[in-house]
C-alpha atoms as a PDB file:
ATOM      1  CA  MET A   1     156.001 -21.121 -50.629  1.00  0.00           C
ATOM      2  CA  ILE A   2     155.030 -18.401 -48.873  1.00  0.00           C
ATOM      3  CA  ILE A   3     152.842 -18.436 -46.234  1.00  0.00           C
ATOM      4  CA  ASP A   4     152.205 -15.458 -45.802  1.00  0.00           C
ATOM      5  CA  VAL A   5     153.402 -12.778 -48.492  1.00  0.00           C
ATOM      6  CA  ILE A   6     152.944  -9.669 -46.018  1.00  0.00           C
ATOM      7  CA  ASP A   7     155.627 -11.465 -43.521  1.00  0.00           C
ATOM      8  CA  HIS A   8     157.410 -12.177 -46.572  1.00  0.00           C
ATOM      9  CA  LEU A   9     157.699  -8.958 -47.981  1.00  0.00           C
ATOM     10  CA  ALA A  10     158.275  -6.955 -45.452  1.00  0.00           C
ATOM     11  CA  GLY A  11     161.067  -9.244 -44.299  1.00  0.00           C
ATOM     12  CA  VAL A  12     159.490 -10.760 -41.156  1.00  0.00           C
ATOM     13  CA  ALA A  13     161.264 -13.358 -39.525  1.00  0.00           C
ATOM     14  CA  PRO A  14     159.957 -16.129 -37.309  1.00  0.00           C
ATOM     15  CA  ASN A  15     159.055 -15.296 -33.739  1.00  0.00           C
ATOM     16  CA  SER A  16     160.723 -11.781 -34.060  1.00  0.00           C
ATOM     17  CA  PRO A  17     159.192  -8.925 -32.002  1.00  0.00           C
ATOM     18  CA  LEU A  18     157.581  -7.270 -35.516  1.00  0.00           C
ATOM     19  CA  ASP A  19     156.185 -11.510 -35.841  1.00  0.00           C
ATOM     20  CA  ARG A  20     154.871 -10.501 -32.455  1.00  0.00           C
ATOM     21  CA  LEU A  21     153.463  -7.821 -33.469  1.00  0.00           C
ATOM     22  CA  ARG A  22     151.566  -9.050 -35.795  1.00  0.00           C
ATOM     23  CA  ASP A  23     150.899 -11.929 -33.812  1.00  0.00           C
ATOM     24  CA  ARG A  24     148.558  -9.385 -31.561  1.00  0.00           C
ATOM     25  CA  ARG A  25     145.825  -8.254 -34.821  1.00  0.00           C
ATOM     26  CA  PRO A  26     145.638 -12.129 -36.001  1.00  0.00           C
ATOM     27  CA  ASP A  27     142.490 -11.843 -37.491  1.00  0.00           C
ATOM     28  CA  ALA A  28     143.705  -8.715 -39.535  1.00  0.00           C
ATOM     29  CA  ARG A  29     146.781 -11.159 -40.468  1.00  0.00           C
ATOM     30  CA  GLU A  30     144.722 -13.346 -40.878  1.00  0.00           C
ATOM     31  CA  HIS A  31     142.063 -11.763 -43.387  1.00  0.00           C
ATOM     32  CA  ALA A  32     144.954  -9.574 -45.218  1.00  0.00           C
ATOM     33  CA  GLN A  33     146.512 -13.452 -46.849  1.00  0.00           C
ATOM     34  CA  ARG A  34     143.177 -14.439 -47.598  1.00  0.00           C
ATOM     35  CA  SER A  35     142.345 -11.758 -49.365  1.00  0.00           C
ATOM     36  CA  TYR A  36     146.144 -12.122 -51.491  1.00  0.00           C
ATOM     37  CA  ASP A  37     144.879 -15.828 -51.979  1.00  0.00           C
ATOM     38  CA  ALA A  38     141.122 -14.724 -53.272  1.00  0.00           C
ATOM     39  CA  LEU A  39     142.717 -12.256 -55.565  1.00  0.00           C
ATOM     40  CA  PHE A  40     145.480 -14.271 -56.866  1.00  0.00           C
ATOM     41  CA  SER A  41     144.795 -18.146 -56.582  1.00  0.00           C
ATOM     42  CA  PRO A  42     140.732 -17.528 -57.181  1.00  0.00           C
ATOM     43  CA  ASP A  43     138.454 -20.989 -57.913  1.00  0.00           C
ATOM     44  CA  SER A  44     137.884 -19.507 -61.111  1.00  0.00           C
ATOM     45  CA  GLU A  45     139.030 -16.900 -64.318  1.00  0.00           C
ATOM     46  CA  ASP A  46     135.967 -16.641 -65.618  1.00  0.00           C
ATOM     47  CA  GLU A  47     135.959 -13.448 -65.203  1.00  0.00           C
ATOM     48  CA  VAL A  48     139.590 -12.244 -64.729  1.00  0.00           C
ATOM     49  CA  THR A  49     142.236 -14.116 -66.048  1.00  0.00           C
ATOM     50  CA  LEU A  50     145.750 -14.880 -63.911  1.00  0.00           C
ATOM     51  CA  VAL A  51     147.970 -12.960 -66.391  1.00  0.00           C
ATOM     52  CA  GLU A  52     145.533  -9.658 -66.473  1.00  0.00           C
ATOM     53  CA  ARG A  53     145.075 -10.076 -62.631  1.00  0.00           C
ATOM     54  CA  ASP A  54     149.288 -10.458 -62.025  1.00  0.00           C
ATOM     55  CA  ALA A  55     150.193  -7.558 -64.602  1.00  0.00           C
ATOM     56  CA  VAL A  56     147.823  -5.398 -62.714  1.00  0.00           C
ATOM     57  CA  ALA A  57     149.628  -6.118 -60.179  1.00  0.00           C
ATOM     58  CA  ALA A  58     153.167  -5.934 -61.491  1.00  0.00           C
ATOM     59  CA  PHE A  59     151.482  -2.212 -62.813  1.00  0.00           C
ATOM     60  CA  VAL A  60     150.436  -1.447 -59.573  1.00  0.00           C
ATOM     61  CA  ALA A  61     153.309  -1.874 -57.216  1.00  0.00           C
ATOM     62  CA  GLY A  62     155.518  -0.460 -59.769  1.00  0.00           C
ATOM     63  CA  LEU A  63     153.822   2.784 -60.016  1.00  0.00           C
ATOM     64  CA  HIS A  64     153.729   2.853 -55.994  1.00  0.00           C
ATOM     65  CA  GLY A  65     157.947   2.421 -56.315  1.00  0.00           C
ATOM     66  CA  ASP A  66     158.567   0.563 -53.318  1.00  0.00           C
ATOM     67  CA  GLU A  67     161.289  -1.976 -55.223  1.00  0.00           C
ATOM     68  CA  PRO A  68     160.703  -5.457 -53.472  1.00  0.00           C
ATOM     69  CA  VAL A  69     156.780  -5.620 -53.035  1.00  0.00           C
ATOM     70  CA  ALA A  70     157.162  -4.056 -57.395  1.00  0.00           C
ATOM     71  CA  ALA A  71     159.882  -6.731 -57.860  1.00  0.00           C
ATOM     72  CA  PHE A  72     157.475  -9.570 -55.743  1.00  0.00           C
ATOM     73  CA  TYR A  73     155.184  -8.844 -58.231  1.00  0.00           C
ATOM     74  CA  ALA A  74     157.055  -8.221 -61.050  1.00  0.00           C
ATOM     75  CA  GLU A  75     158.664 -11.841 -60.689  1.00  0.00           C
ATOM     76  CA  ARG A  76     154.700 -13.885 -61.000  1.00  0.00           C
ATOM     77  CA  LEU A  77     154.052 -11.976 -64.180  1.00  0.00           C
ATOM     78  CA  ALA A  78     157.567 -12.882 -65.880  1.00  0.00           C
ATOM     79  CA  GLN A  79     156.588 -16.973 -64.485  1.00  0.00           C
ATOM     80  CA  LEU A  80     153.508 -16.728 -65.999  1.00  0.00           C
ATOM     81  CA  ALA A  81     153.791 -14.172 -69.071  1.00  0.00           C
ATOM     82  CA  PRO A  82     157.197 -13.684 -70.097  1.00  0.00           C
ATOM     83  CA  HIS A  83     156.044 -11.259 -72.867  1.00  0.00           C
ATOM     84  CA  LEU A  84     153.813  -9.326 -70.634  1.00  0.00           C
ATOM     85  CA  ALA A  85     157.068  -8.313 -68.405  1.00  0.00           C
ATOM     86  CA  GLU A  86     159.017  -6.086 -71.095  1.00  0.00           C
ATOM     87  CA  PRO A  87     155.749  -3.881 -71.804  1.00  0.00           C
ATOM     88  CA  VAL A  88     154.535  -3.869 -68.256  1.00  0.00           C
ATOM     89  CA  GLN A  89     157.659  -2.511 -67.384  1.00  0.00           C
ATOM     90  CA  ALA A  90     157.342  -0.028 -70.301  1.00  0.00           C
ATOM     91  CA  GLU A  91     153.695   0.738 -68.974  1.00  0.00           C
ATOM     92  CA  ILE A  92     155.392   1.786 -65.377  1.00  0.00           C
ATOM     93  CA  ALA A  93     157.450   3.821 -66.198  1.00  0.00           C
ATOM     94  CA  ALA A  94     154.853   5.357 -68.433  1.00  0.00           C
ATOM     95  CA  GLY A  95     152.771   6.308 -65.530  1.00  0.00           C
ATOM     96  CA  ARG A  96     154.435   6.758 -62.590  1.00  0.00           C
ATOM     97  CA  THR A  97     154.148   9.858 -60.899  1.00  0.00           C
ATOM     98  CA  THR A  98     153.446  11.317 -57.287  1.00  0.00           C
ATOM     99  CA  GLY A  99     149.550  12.434 -57.087  1.00  0.00           C
ATOM    100  CA  PRO A 100     146.359  12.781 -56.383  1.00  0.00           C
ATOM    101  CA  TYR A 101     145.646  14.632 -58.812  1.00  0.00           C
ATOM    102  CA  GLY A 102     141.992  15.767 -60.135  1.00  0.00           C
ATOM    103  CA  VAL A 103     140.465  18.347 -61.209  1.00  0.00           C
ATOM    104  CA  TYR A 104     136.990  19.966 -58.588  1.00  0.00           C
ATOM    105  CA  PRO A 105     134.110  20.958 -61.228  1.00  0.00           C
ATOM    106  CA  ASP A 106     132.071  23.015 -58.432  1.00  0.00           C
ATOM    107  CA  ALA A 107     134.348  26.182 -57.675  1.00  0.00           C
ATOM    108  CA  ALA A 108     134.379  26.094 -53.678  1.00  0.00           C
ATOM    109  CA  PRO A 109     137.379  24.025 -53.830  1.00  0.00           C
ATOM    110  CA  ALA A 110     138.553  24.239 -57.392  1.00  0.00           C
ATOM    111  CA  GLY A 111     141.445  25.502 -55.746  1.00  0.00           C
ATOM    112  CA  GLU A 112     142.593  22.451 -54.605  1.00  0.00           C
ATOM    113  CA  SER A 113     142.570  21.207 -58.138  1.00  0.00           C
ATOM    114  CA  ASP A 114     145.459  19.133 -60.095  1.00  0.00           C
ATOM    115  CA  GLU A 115     145.252  18.119 -63.229  1.00  0.00           C
ATOM    116  CA  GLY A 116     149.191  15.883 -63.119  1.00  0.00           C
ATOM    117  CA  LEU A 117     149.542  13.364 -65.536  1.00  0.00           C
ATOM    118  CA  ARG A 118     146.954  11.564 -67.266  1.00  0.00           C
ATOM    119  CA  TYR A 119     148.102   7.935 -68.473  1.00  0.00           C
ATOM    120  CA  GLN A 120     147.496   6.439 -71.154  1.00  0.00           C
ATOM    121  CA  ALA A 121     148.951   2.889 -72.192  1.00  0.00           C
ATOM    122  CA  ARG A 122     151.660   3.152 -74.165  1.00  0.00           C
ATOM    123  CA  HIS A 123     151.489  -0.708 -75.471  1.00  0.00           C
ATOM    124  CA  ALA A 124     147.831  -1.406 -75.850  1.00  0.00           C
ATOM    125  CA  ASP A 125     149.176  -3.574 -79.103  1.00  0.00           C
ATOM    126  CA  LEU A 126     151.354  -5.753 -76.877  1.00  0.00           C
ATOM    127  CA  LEU A 127     149.371  -5.644 -73.608  1.00  0.00           C
ATOM    128  CA  GLY A 128     145.625  -6.260 -75.673  1.00  0.00           C
ATOM    129  CA  VAL A 129     142.139  -4.021 -74.915  1.00  0.00           C
ATOM    130  CA  ARG A 130     141.142  -5.532 -72.241  1.00  0.00           C
ATOM    131  CA  LEU A 131     144.433  -4.806 -70.365  1.00  0.00           C
ATOM    132  CA  ALA A 132     145.335  -1.340 -71.435  1.00  0.00           C
ATOM    133  CA  ALA A 133     142.023  -0.211 -70.165  1.00  0.00           C
ATOM    134  CA  ALA A 134     143.394  -2.070 -67.158  1.00  0.00           C
ATOM    135  CA  PHE A 135     146.097  -0.120 -67.025  1.00  0.00           C
ATOM    136  CA  GLU A 136     144.392   3.197 -67.141  1.00  0.00           C
ATOM    137  CA  HIS A 137     141.856   1.927 -65.140  1.00  0.00           C
ATOM    138  CA  ALA A 138     143.917   1.625 -62.317  1.00  0.00           C
ATOM    139  CA  HIS A 139     145.847   4.535 -62.751  1.00  0.00           C
ATOM    140  CA  LEU A 140     143.462   6.122 -62.316  1.00  0.00           C
ATOM    141  CA  LEU A 141     142.576   4.851 -58.843  1.00  0.00           C
ATOM    142  CA  VAL A 142     146.233   5.288 -57.494  1.00  0.00           C
ATOM    143  CA  PHE A 143     146.505   8.580 -58.723  1.00  0.00           C
ATOM    144  CA  ARG A 144     142.652  10.382 -59.401  1.00  0.00           C
ATOM    145  CA  PRO A 145     140.652   8.208 -57.014  1.00  0.00           C
ATOM    146  CA  ARG A 146     137.982  11.963 -57.456  1.00  0.00           C
ATOM    147  CA  GLU A 147     137.647  11.020 -61.529  1.00  0.00           C
ATOM    148  CA  ALA A 148     136.751   6.864 -60.894  1.00  0.00           C
ATOM    149  CA  HIS A 149     133.481   8.149 -62.035  1.00  0.00           C
ATOM    150  CA  ARG A 150     130.472   6.747 -64.527  1.00  0.00           C
ATOM    151  CA  LYS A 151     132.355   7.286 -68.051  1.00  0.00           C
ATOM    152  CA  ALA A 152     135.529   5.474 -66.341  1.00  0.00           C
ATOM    153  CA  LEU A 153     133.464   2.623 -65.764  1.00  0.00           C
ATOM    154  CA  THR A 154     132.463   2.552 -69.284  1.00  0.00           C
ATOM    155  CA  ALA A 155     135.565   2.419 -70.536  1.00  0.00           C
ATOM    156  CA  LEU A 156     136.158  -0.442 -69.309  1.00  0.00           C
ATOM    157  CA  ALA A 157     132.931  -1.919 -70.009  1.00  0.00           C
ATOM    158  CA  ASP A 158     133.635  -0.975 -73.819  1.00  0.00           C
ATOM    159  CA  ALA A 159     137.143  -3.143 -73.886  1.00  0.00           C
ATOM    160  CA  GLY A 160     135.083  -6.220 -72.794  1.00  0.00           C
ATOM    161  CA  TRP A 161     135.214  -5.877 -68.930  1.00  0.00           C
ATOM    162  CA  SER A 162     131.741  -7.318 -66.783  1.00  0.00           C
ATOM    163  CA  THR A 163     130.720  -5.660 -64.450  1.00  0.00           C
ATOM    164  CA  THR A 164     132.107  -8.025 -61.551  1.00  0.00           C
ATOM    165  CA  GLY A 165     135.449  -8.497 -63.604  1.00  0.00           C
ATOM    166  CA  ILE A 166     135.568  -4.280 -63.008  1.00  0.00           C
ATOM    167  CA  VAL A 167     134.633  -5.270 -59.342  1.00  0.00           C
ATOM    168  CA  THR A 168     137.260  -7.791 -59.592  1.00  0.00           C
ATOM    169  CA  LEU A 169     140.118  -5.179 -61.025  1.00  0.00           C
ATOM    170  CA  SER A 170     139.015  -2.125 -58.560  1.00  0.00           C
ATOM    171  CA  GLN A 171     139.789  -4.600 -55.199  1.00  0.00           C
ATOM    172  CA  LEU A 172     142.791  -6.229 -56.520  1.00  0.00           C
ATOM    173  CA  VAL A 173     143.796  -2.375 -56.817  1.00  0.00           C
ATOM    174  CA  ALA A 174     142.991  -1.620 -53.782  1.00  0.00           C
ATOM    175  CA  PHE A 175     144.175  -4.432 -51.868  1.00  0.00           C
ATOM    176  CA  LEU A 176     147.487  -3.582 -53.373  1.00  0.00           C
ATOM    177  CA  SER A 177     147.410  -0.109 -52.407  1.00  0.00           C
ATOM    178  CA  PHE A 178     146.863  -1.089 -48.709  1.00  0.00           C
ATOM    179  CA  GLN A 179     149.739  -4.339 -49.188  1.00  0.00           C
ATOM    180  CA  VAL A 180     152.391  -1.882 -49.924  1.00  0.00           C
ATOM    181  CA  ARG A 181     151.411   0.322 -47.286  1.00  0.00           C
ATOM    182  CA  LEU A 182     151.136  -1.856 -44.927  1.00  0.00           C
ATOM    183  CA  VAL A 183     154.843  -3.565 -45.214  1.00  0.00           C
ATOM    184  CA  ALA A 184     156.331  -0.597 -45.636  1.00  0.00           C
ATOM    185  CA  GLY A 185     155.174   0.535 -42.474  1.00  0.00           C
ATOM    186  CA  LEU A 186     156.557  -2.458 -40.758  1.00  0.00           C
ATOM    187  CA  ARG A 187     159.716  -2.199 -42.218  1.00  0.00           C
ATOM    188  CA  VAL A 188     159.436   1.096 -40.790  1.00  0.00           C
ATOM    189  CA  LEU A 189     158.990  -0.674 -37.541  1.00  0.00           C
ATOM    190  CA  GLY A 190     161.196  -2.994 -37.764  1.00  0.00           C
ATOM    191  CA  ALA A 191     164.335  -0.579 -38.081  1.00  0.00           C
ATOM    192  CA  SER A 192     163.317   1.211 -35.498  1.00  0.00           C
ATOM    193  CA  PRO A 193     165.191   0.163 -31.986  1.00  0.00           C
ATOM    194  CA  LYS A 194     161.769   0.589 -30.217  1.00  0.00           C
ATOM    195  CA  GLY A 195     160.073  -1.455 -32.891  1.00  0.00           C
ATOM    196  CA  SER A 196     159.130  -3.996 -30.534  1.00  0.00           C
ATOM    197  CA  THR A 197     157.115  -2.051 -28.283  1.00  0.00           C
ATOM    198  CA  ALA A 198     155.576  -0.185 -30.749  1.00  0.00           C
END
């Protein structure tokens, strides 16, 4: 059983310098774990099922390209919904890019516009309408956040997502982005000879 998922993903050993470093911010540590628990062990699946949560998590983690984190969520999905493992990996391959992208409508920052990849789910027939829409929205939030406007939310609603479900989906994507970055940072600190004094 994983007690603290960030410690697990970052390889933080008990009583190590990184463990003591994280202990300096006990509230942050606790809240991060509580967020994980709330998103992946919800009281209700009425709005977003466990399969949908794990599929989106595997997709988003895969897009970020952090192999240990991506493998963790891919394994969760494979245990819960093995039929989705291969299609999700195919979607990750189709959606992986760098970013951030987006097109500014106004003239002033137009020079900063970058069209980039516009992802569309390749295997909607295997994912289903809801998951395909969720993946497209997740990709938008990860790589084109400036374009996450009302039209994008309408696409989710048209695919059967409720307002509460859309909020949960967005929270999931935000949490995964935070988690990947925190884990990567902890690994860097752990690899540094000065990590214990950072």
